[in-house]
Amino acid sequence: ATETTGDRNATSECWSSVTETETAIPVKLLVTNGTNASSTVTDTSDSPMTVNTYGSPTWTTAAYKYGTTSMLLNGSSQFIYLDDHNNFDYGNDSNGFTFEMWFKQVSTTGEDGYGNMPLYGQSGSSSNGNPRNYVWRSDNDTITHYHQGASPDGAGGDVSGATMEDGNWHHVATVFEHNSGNGKLNHAVDGVWTDNTGGATYTTANIANEFKIGRAQASSGAAGYANMYVDSFRLTHKSIYTIGSNFTAPTAIFGKTQTTITDNATGTLITTAQTVGSAKTSCSGVLMYKDAVGTNTIGTDLKIYFSANNGSGWTEAASYTAL
């Protein structure tokens, strides 16, 4: 077979033009693995911030998603925190904002009395945590988010099919699409968005408070801790995931680059001419394809043509049938 355009794989007689490109992304905070039995947490981004721990939680090899360790928080006195920084302001960068984390819940120990477990965000030590911008796991499939001064005040919701209390590893992400400062804000669990997109617009508010993982004050005044393993977390000044489009949670340890998948399977593939033994009044053909990216509607994006005079006078197939 030959081709007129496209990027054909000559061995398998097909196009294999889906490509992956690694591009640098503006990572502002990156924590992956630590040393077993150590309480030291290191930010490996290009401009690292100081990451602190309270209550001496340690890295352990007992459980981990990627790498060799995760940090265990006991649900009563331990958490991870960073001092206030403009990196935590959703609206600080026109490229957007993404905070994501892998966690594995151990038990309900430390919840605020209403079944809520604190995940991450800015929260103080006042009776209700104000000023606060914090994300909670409310129940097995619900994210609750409080963002004081923002409009609206948070964008939590139910996540269809989520099972965050099942003792398995889960990826949770908070994304703000900037859109000139009036974009959307939402949260995803294992690549599935909550049923609340944050409305048509979400006006953020910059909060001056520590950023904590596994510790927050509830609006009722109750203290909340998380009994969970934290494998890794990353803050990026870019909306890594598109709100409203479910995605596959990362399949490798967080890094400083993003994989972009592109395709260019546009062209014409001409098979080798075949000689028939006698006159024919009809013919048929078979087209096999693999759904990867882009559109692939048979008869619209993908078509079959026939020529009975050695490559001229092409006629499209009269009909198509999916097999």
Protein backbone atom coordinates (compact mmCIF):
# COMPACT_ATOMS: atom_id res chain seq x y z
CA ALA A 1 0.00 0.00 0.00
CA THR A 2 1.05 3.59 -0.57
CA GLU A 3 -0.09 6.91 0.80
CA THR A 4 -0.52 10.41 -0.52
CA THR A 5 -0.45 12.17 2.85
CA GLY A 6 -0.33 11.21 6.50
CA ASP A 7 2.10 9.31 8.67
CA ARG A 8 1.63 5.65 7.78
CA ASN A 9 3.22 2.76 9.63
CA ALA A 10 4.54 0.71 6.69
CA THR A 11 4.80 -2.50 8.71
CA SER A 12 1.19 -2.68 9.85
CA GLU A 13 -0.32 -0.77 6.90
CA CYS A 14 -1.91 1.88 9.11
CA TRP A 15 -1.42 5.37 10.46
CA SER A 16 0.11 5.61 13.91
CA SER A 17 0.39 9.37 14.13
CA VAL A 18 -0.71 9.89 17.72
CA THR A 19 2.23 11.54 19.47
CA GLU A 20 3.04 12.44 23.07
CA THR A 21 4.87 15.67 23.85
CA GLU A 22 6.42 16.52 27.21
CA THR A 23 6.23 20.23 28.07
CA ALA A 24 7.35 22.05 31.20
CA ILE A 25 4.56 23.28 33.48
CA PRO A 26 4.71 26.02 36.17
CA VAL A 27 4.98 23.78 39.23
CA LYS A 28 5.04 25.87 42.42
CA LEU A 29 5.07 23.02 44.95
CA LEU A 30 6.07 19.40 44.43
CA VAL A 31 6.37 16.77 47.15
CA THR A 32 6.67 13.11 46.22
CA ASN A 33 8.58 10.68 48.45
CA GLY A 34 10.60 11.02 51.64
CA THR A 35 13.01 8.93 53.65
CA ASN A 36 11.47 6.13 55.68
CA ALA A 37 10.94 7.08 59.37
CA SER A 38 11.85 10.73 58.66
CA SER A 39 9.60 13.75 59.29
CA THR A 40 11.37 15.89 56.71
CA VAL A 41 9.20 16.97 53.78
CA THR A 42 11.03 18.50 50.81
CA ASP A 43 9.61 20.65 48.05
CA THR A 44 11.44 19.69 44.84
CA SER A 45 9.97 22.43 42.63
CA ASP A 46 12.34 24.88 40.95
CA SER A 47 11.60 27.56 43.57
CA PRO A 48 11.04 25.43 46.67
CA MET A 49 8.98 26.54 49.64
CA THR A 50 9.55 25.35 53.19
CA VAL A 51 7.25 22.47 54.10
CA ASN A 52 6.66 21.88 57.81
CA THR A 53 5.10 19.10 59.86
CA TYR A 54 3.29 19.26 63.18
CA GLY A 55 3.18 16.38 65.64
CA SER A 56 6.09 14.55 64.00
CA PRO A 57 4.36 12.48 61.31
CA THR A 58 6.83 10.29 59.41
CA TRP A 59 7.31 8.76 56.01
CA THR A 60 6.67 5.04 55.93
CA THR A 61 7.10 2.15 53.53
CA ALA A 62 3.92 0.52 54.86
CA ALA A 63 1.81 2.02 52.07
CA TYR A 64 2.46 4.09 48.98
CA LYS A 65 0.95 4.81 45.58
CA TYR A 66 4.10 5.65 43.64
CA GLY A 67 7.73 5.56 44.66
CA THR A 68 8.63 3.89 47.96
CA THR A 69 6.99 5.84 50.82
CA SER A 70 4.05 7.92 51.94
CA MET A 71 3.49 10.09 55.01
CA LEU A 72 1.07 8.81 57.65
CA LEU A 73 -1.08 11.31 59.57
CA ASN A 74 -2.54 9.88 62.80
CA GLY A 75 -5.88 11.73 62.82
CA SER A 76 -5.35 13.35 66.21
CA SER A 77 -2.32 15.61 66.32
CA GLN A 78 -0.39 15.47 63.04
CA PHE A 79 -0.54 17.47 59.84
CA ILE A 80 1.57 19.08 57.10
CA TYR A 81 1.64 22.85 56.67
CA LEU A 82 3.26 25.73 54.80
CA ASP A 83 3.31 29.43 55.64
CA ASP A 84 1.01 31.71 53.71
CA HIS A 85 2.24 32.44 50.20
CA ASN A 86 0.78 34.06 47.08
CA ASN A 87 1.27 30.71 45.33
CA PHE A 88 -1.91 29.60 47.10
CA ASP A 89 -4.01 32.40 45.58
CA TYR A 90 -6.25 30.87 42.92
CA GLY A 91 -6.35 34.07 40.92
CA ASN A 92 -2.63 34.84 41.09
CA ASP A 93 -1.81 33.49 37.64
CA SER A 94 -3.84 33.90 34.44
CA ASN A 95 -2.92 30.32 33.45
CA GLY A 96 -5.10 28.94 36.20
CA PHE A 97 -4.48 26.84 39.32
CA THR A 98 -4.33 23.12 40.14
CA PHE A 99 -3.67 21.47 43.49
CA GLU A 100 -3.70 17.68 43.46
CA MET A 101 -2.89 14.96 45.94
CA TRP A 102 -2.91 11.18 46.35
CA PHE A 103 -4.33 10.02 49.69
CA LYS A 104 -5.49 6.80 51.33
CA GLN A 105 -7.86 7.05 54.28
CA VAL A 106 -7.03 4.79 57.21
CA SER A 107 -10.02 5.45 59.49
CA THR A 108 -12.55 8.10 60.51
CA THR A 109 -10.46 9.06 63.54
CA GLY A 110 -10.14 12.83 63.82
CA GLU A 111 -13.20 13.79 61.80
CA ASP A 112 -14.98 16.97 62.92
CA GLY A 113 -18.00 15.23 64.44
CA TYR A 114 -20.08 15.56 61.27
CA GLY A 115 -18.28 12.91 59.24
CA ASN A 116 -15.98 15.44 57.52
CA MET A 117 -12.27 14.77 57.02
CA PRO A 118 -9.99 17.72 56.18
CA LEU A 119 -7.94 17.29 53.01
CA TYR A 120 -6.07 20.49 52.11
CA GLY A 121 -6.25 24.25 51.91
CA GLN A 122 -5.82 27.40 53.96
CA SER A 123 -7.23 27.36 57.46
CA GLY A 124 -6.40 29.19 60.66
CA SER A 125 -6.73 28.33 64.33
CA SER A 126 -9.78 30.50 65.04
CA SER A 127 -12.99 28.82 66.18
CA ASN A 128 -14.18 28.32 62.59
CA GLY A 129 -10.86 28.42 60.79
CA ASN A 130 -11.38 31.86 59.24
CA PRO A 131 -10.01 33.16 57.05
CA ARG A 132 -10.25 29.85 55.23
CA ASN A 133 -10.14 28.32 51.76
CA TYR A 134 -10.34 24.63 52.50
CA VAL A 135 -11.37 21.34 50.86
CA TRP A 136 -12.97 18.56 52.94
CA ARG A 137 -13.99 14.98 52.25
CA SER A 138 -17.55 15.10 53.62
CA ASP A 139 -18.56 11.50 53.02
CA ASN A 140 -17.71 8.65 50.70
CA ASP A 141 -18.50 10.60 47.53
CA THR A 142 -18.74 14.27 48.49
CA ILE A 143 -16.30 17.19 48.47
CA THR A 144 -17.15 20.19 50.66
CA HIS A 145 -15.25 23.40 50.03
CA TYR A 146 -15.28 26.68 51.97
CA HIS A 147 -13.69 29.76 50.40
CA GLN A 148 -14.32 32.80 52.55
CA GLY A 149 -14.83 36.00 50.56
CA ALA A 150 -15.14 34.19 47.24
CA SER A 151 -18.28 34.19 45.16
CA PRO A 152 -19.74 31.67 45.63
CA ASP A 153 -18.29 30.54 48.97
CA GLY A 154 -16.86 27.24 47.76
CA ALA A 155 -17.73 24.79 45.00
CA GLY A 156 -18.18 21.39 46.59
CA GLY A 157 -20.50 18.65 45.41
CA ASP A 158 -21.12 14.95 44.92
CA VAL A 159 -18.78 12.87 42.80
CA SER A 160 -20.57 10.06 40.98
CA GLY A 161 -19.11 6.68 41.87
CA ALA A 162 -16.52 8.01 44.33
CA THR A 163 -15.53 5.76 47.24
CA MET A 164 -13.06 7.86 49.20
CA GLU A 165 -13.58 5.95 52.48
CA ASP A 166 -12.83 2.49 51.09
CA GLY A 167 -9.19 2.33 52.20
CA ASN A 168 -7.80 2.58 48.66
CA TRP A 169 -5.67 5.27 47.06
CA HIS A 170 -7.55 8.21 45.55
CA HIS A 171 -6.47 11.17 43.47
CA VAL A 172 -8.19 14.44 44.34
CA ALA A 173 -7.69 17.70 42.45
CA THR A 174 -8.87 21.30 42.77
CA VAL A 175 -8.79 23.31 39.54
CA PHE A 176 -9.48 26.97 38.84
CA GLU A 177 -9.77 28.02 35.20
CA HIS A 178 -8.78 31.67 35.33
CA ASN A 179 -10.66 33.20 32.37
CA SER A 180 -9.53 36.76 33.18
CA GLY A 181 -10.20 36.21 36.89
CA ASN A 182 -13.79 35.03 36.51
CA GLY A 183 -13.39 31.41 35.58
CA LYS A 184 -14.70 28.13 36.96
CA LEU A 185 -13.63 26.26 40.07
CA ASN A 186 -14.28 22.59 40.72
CA HIS A 187 -12.88 19.44 42.30
CA ALA A 188 -12.35 15.96 40.89
CA VAL A 189 -11.90 12.58 42.54
CA ASP A 190 -10.12 9.93 40.50
CA GLY A 191 -10.73 12.00 37.37
CA VAL A 192 -14.47 12.53 37.92
CA TRP A 193 -15.74 16.07 38.57
CA THR A 194 -18.26 16.98 41.24
CA ASP A 195 -21.76 17.84 40.06
CA ASN A 196 -21.14 21.50 40.95
CA THR A 197 -19.10 23.31 38.29
CA GLY A 198 -18.86 26.45 40.39
CA GLY A 199 -21.41 28.26 38.26
CA ALA A 200 -20.76 30.29 35.15
CA THR A 201 -18.17 32.36 37.01
CA TYR A 202 -16.19 31.98 40.21
CA THR A 203 -14.66 35.09 41.72
CA THR A 204 -11.77 34.10 43.97
CA ALA A 205 -10.52 35.74 47.16
CA ASN A 206 -6.93 35.75 48.38
CA ILE A 207 -6.73 34.20 51.85
CA ALA A 208 -3.93 35.05 54.27
CA ASN A 209 -3.41 31.88 56.25
CA GLU A 210 -1.32 28.74 56.49
CA PHE A 211 -1.83 26.01 53.90
CA LYS A 212 -2.48 22.73 55.70
CA ILE A 213 -2.89 19.11 54.70
CA GLY A 214 -4.88 16.99 57.13
CA ARG A 215 -5.96 19.68 59.60
CA ALA A 216 -8.68 22.36 59.62
CA GLN A 217 -11.32 24.01 61.76
CA ALA A 218 -14.92 23.36 60.71
CA SER A 219 -17.39 26.22 60.36
CA SER A 220 -19.13 24.84 63.45
CA GLY A 221 -15.97 25.35 65.46
CA ALA A 222 -15.09 21.66 65.64
CA ALA A 223 -11.50 20.66 65.00
CA GLY A 224 -10.79 18.23 62.21
CA TYR A 225 -7.83 15.96 61.58
CA ALA A 226 -7.22 13.33 58.92
CA ASN A 227 -6.10 9.78 59.54
CA MET A 228 -4.64 9.07 56.13
CA TYR A 229 -1.56 8.30 54.10
CA VAL A 230 -0.39 11.14 51.84
CA ASP A 231 1.68 9.82 48.96
CA SER A 232 2.43 13.01 47.05
CA PHE A 233 1.02 16.44 46.22
CA ARG A 234 1.60 19.11 43.59
CA LEU A 235 0.59 22.74 43.09
CA THR A 236 0.69 24.08 39.54
CA HIS A 237 -0.18 27.54 38.25
CA LYS A 238 -2.05 26.07 35.34
CA SER A 239 -5.45 24.41 34.96
CA ILE A 240 -3.98 20.96 34.27
CA TYR A 241 -7.39 19.33 33.85
CA THR A 242 -10.38 20.77 31.96
CA ILE A 243 -13.39 21.25 34.22
CA GLY A 244 -16.35 19.24 33.00
CA SER A 245 -14.26 16.71 31.05
CA ASN A 246 -13.53 13.64 33.14
CA PHE A 247 -9.95 12.41 32.87
CA THR A 248 -7.64 9.56 33.79
CA ALA A 249 -5.89 10.16 37.10
CA PRO A 250 -2.07 10.32 36.79
CA THR A 251 -0.52 6.93 36.20
CA ALA A 252 2.96 7.92 37.39
CA ILE A 253 4.54 9.97 40.14
CA PHE A 254 3.99 13.74 39.86
CA GLY A 255 6.62 15.63 37.90
CA LYS A 256 7.42 19.03 36.43
CA THR A 257 6.21 18.26 32.91
CA GLN A 258 2.86 17.52 31.31
CA THR A 259 2.20 14.98 28.59
CA THR A 260 0.17 16.35 25.68
CA ILE A 261 -1.37 13.89 23.22
CA THR A 262 -1.82 15.10 19.65
CA ASP A 263 -2.84 13.42 16.44
CA ASN A 264 -2.44 14.08 12.74
CA ALA A 265 -4.07 11.07 11.11
CA THR A 266 -5.34 13.02 8.12
CA GLY A 267 -4.53 11.63 4.70
CA THR A 268 -5.23 9.02 2.08
CA LEU A 269 -4.10 5.40 2.20
CA ILE A 270 -4.18 3.57 -1.17
CA THR A 271 -4.01 -0.21 -1.17
CA THR A 272 -2.12 -2.25 -3.73
CA ALA A 273 -4.12 -2.84 -6.95
CA GLN A 274 -5.86 -6.20 -7.16
CA THR A 275 -6.68 -8.09 -10.37
CA VAL A 276 -9.99 -9.93 -10.54
CA GLY A 277 -10.53 -13.06 -12.63
CA SER A 278 -13.78 -11.95 -14.25
CA ALA A 279 -16.06 -8.95 -14.56
CA LYS A 280 -17.67 -7.78 -11.29
CA THR A 281 -20.65 -5.53 -10.66
CA SER A 282 -19.91 -4.71 -7.01
CA CYS A 283 -17.10 -4.72 -4.47
CA SER A 284 -16.56 -4.12 -0.78
CA GLY A 285 -13.79 -3.09 1.56
CA VAL A 286 -12.89 -3.33 5.24
CA LEU A 287 -11.53 -0.45 7.31
CA MET A 288 -10.09 -1.18 10.74
CA TYR A 289 -9.27 1.64 13.14
CA LYS A 290 -8.46 2.22 16.79
CA ASP A 291 -10.27 5.00 18.66
CA ALA A 292 -7.57 7.17 20.23
CA VAL A 293 -8.10 10.91 19.93
CA GLY A 294 -9.99 13.17 17.55
CA THR A 295 -13.17 12.33 15.65
CA ASN A 296 -13.70 9.09 13.76
CA THR A 297 -17.26 8.89 12.43
CA ILE A 298 -17.53 6.29 9.66
CA GLY A 299 -18.71 7.93 6.45
CA THR A 300 -17.79 11.41 7.71
CA ASP A 301 -14.25 11.35 9.09
CA LEU A 302 -13.37 7.92 7.74
CA LYS A 303 -14.40 6.99 4.19
CA ILE A 304 -13.68 4.22 1.67
CA TYR A 305 -13.36 4.87 -2.07
CA PHE A 306 -12.96 2.40 -4.95
CA SER A 307 -11.36 2.74 -8.38
CA ALA A 308 -11.89 0.22 -11.19
CA ASN A 309 -9.46 1.82 -13.65
CA ASN A 310 -6.10 1.73 -11.95
CA GLY A 311 -6.38 4.71 -9.62
CA SER A 312 -8.72 7.19 -11.30
CA GLY A 313 -12.46 7.74 -11.23
CA TRP A 314 -12.80 7.08 -7.53
CA THR A 315 -16.28 6.26 -6.16
CA GLU A 316 -17.20 6.35 -2.49
CA ALA A 317 -18.76 3.28 -0.90
CA ALA A 318 -22.55 3.39 -1.14
CA SER A 319 -23.00 2.47 2.53
CA TYR A 320 -21.09 1.58 5.67
CA THR A 321 -21.77 -1.11 8.24
CA ALA A 322 -20.02 -1.32 11.61
CA LEU A 323 -18.76 -4.81 12.41
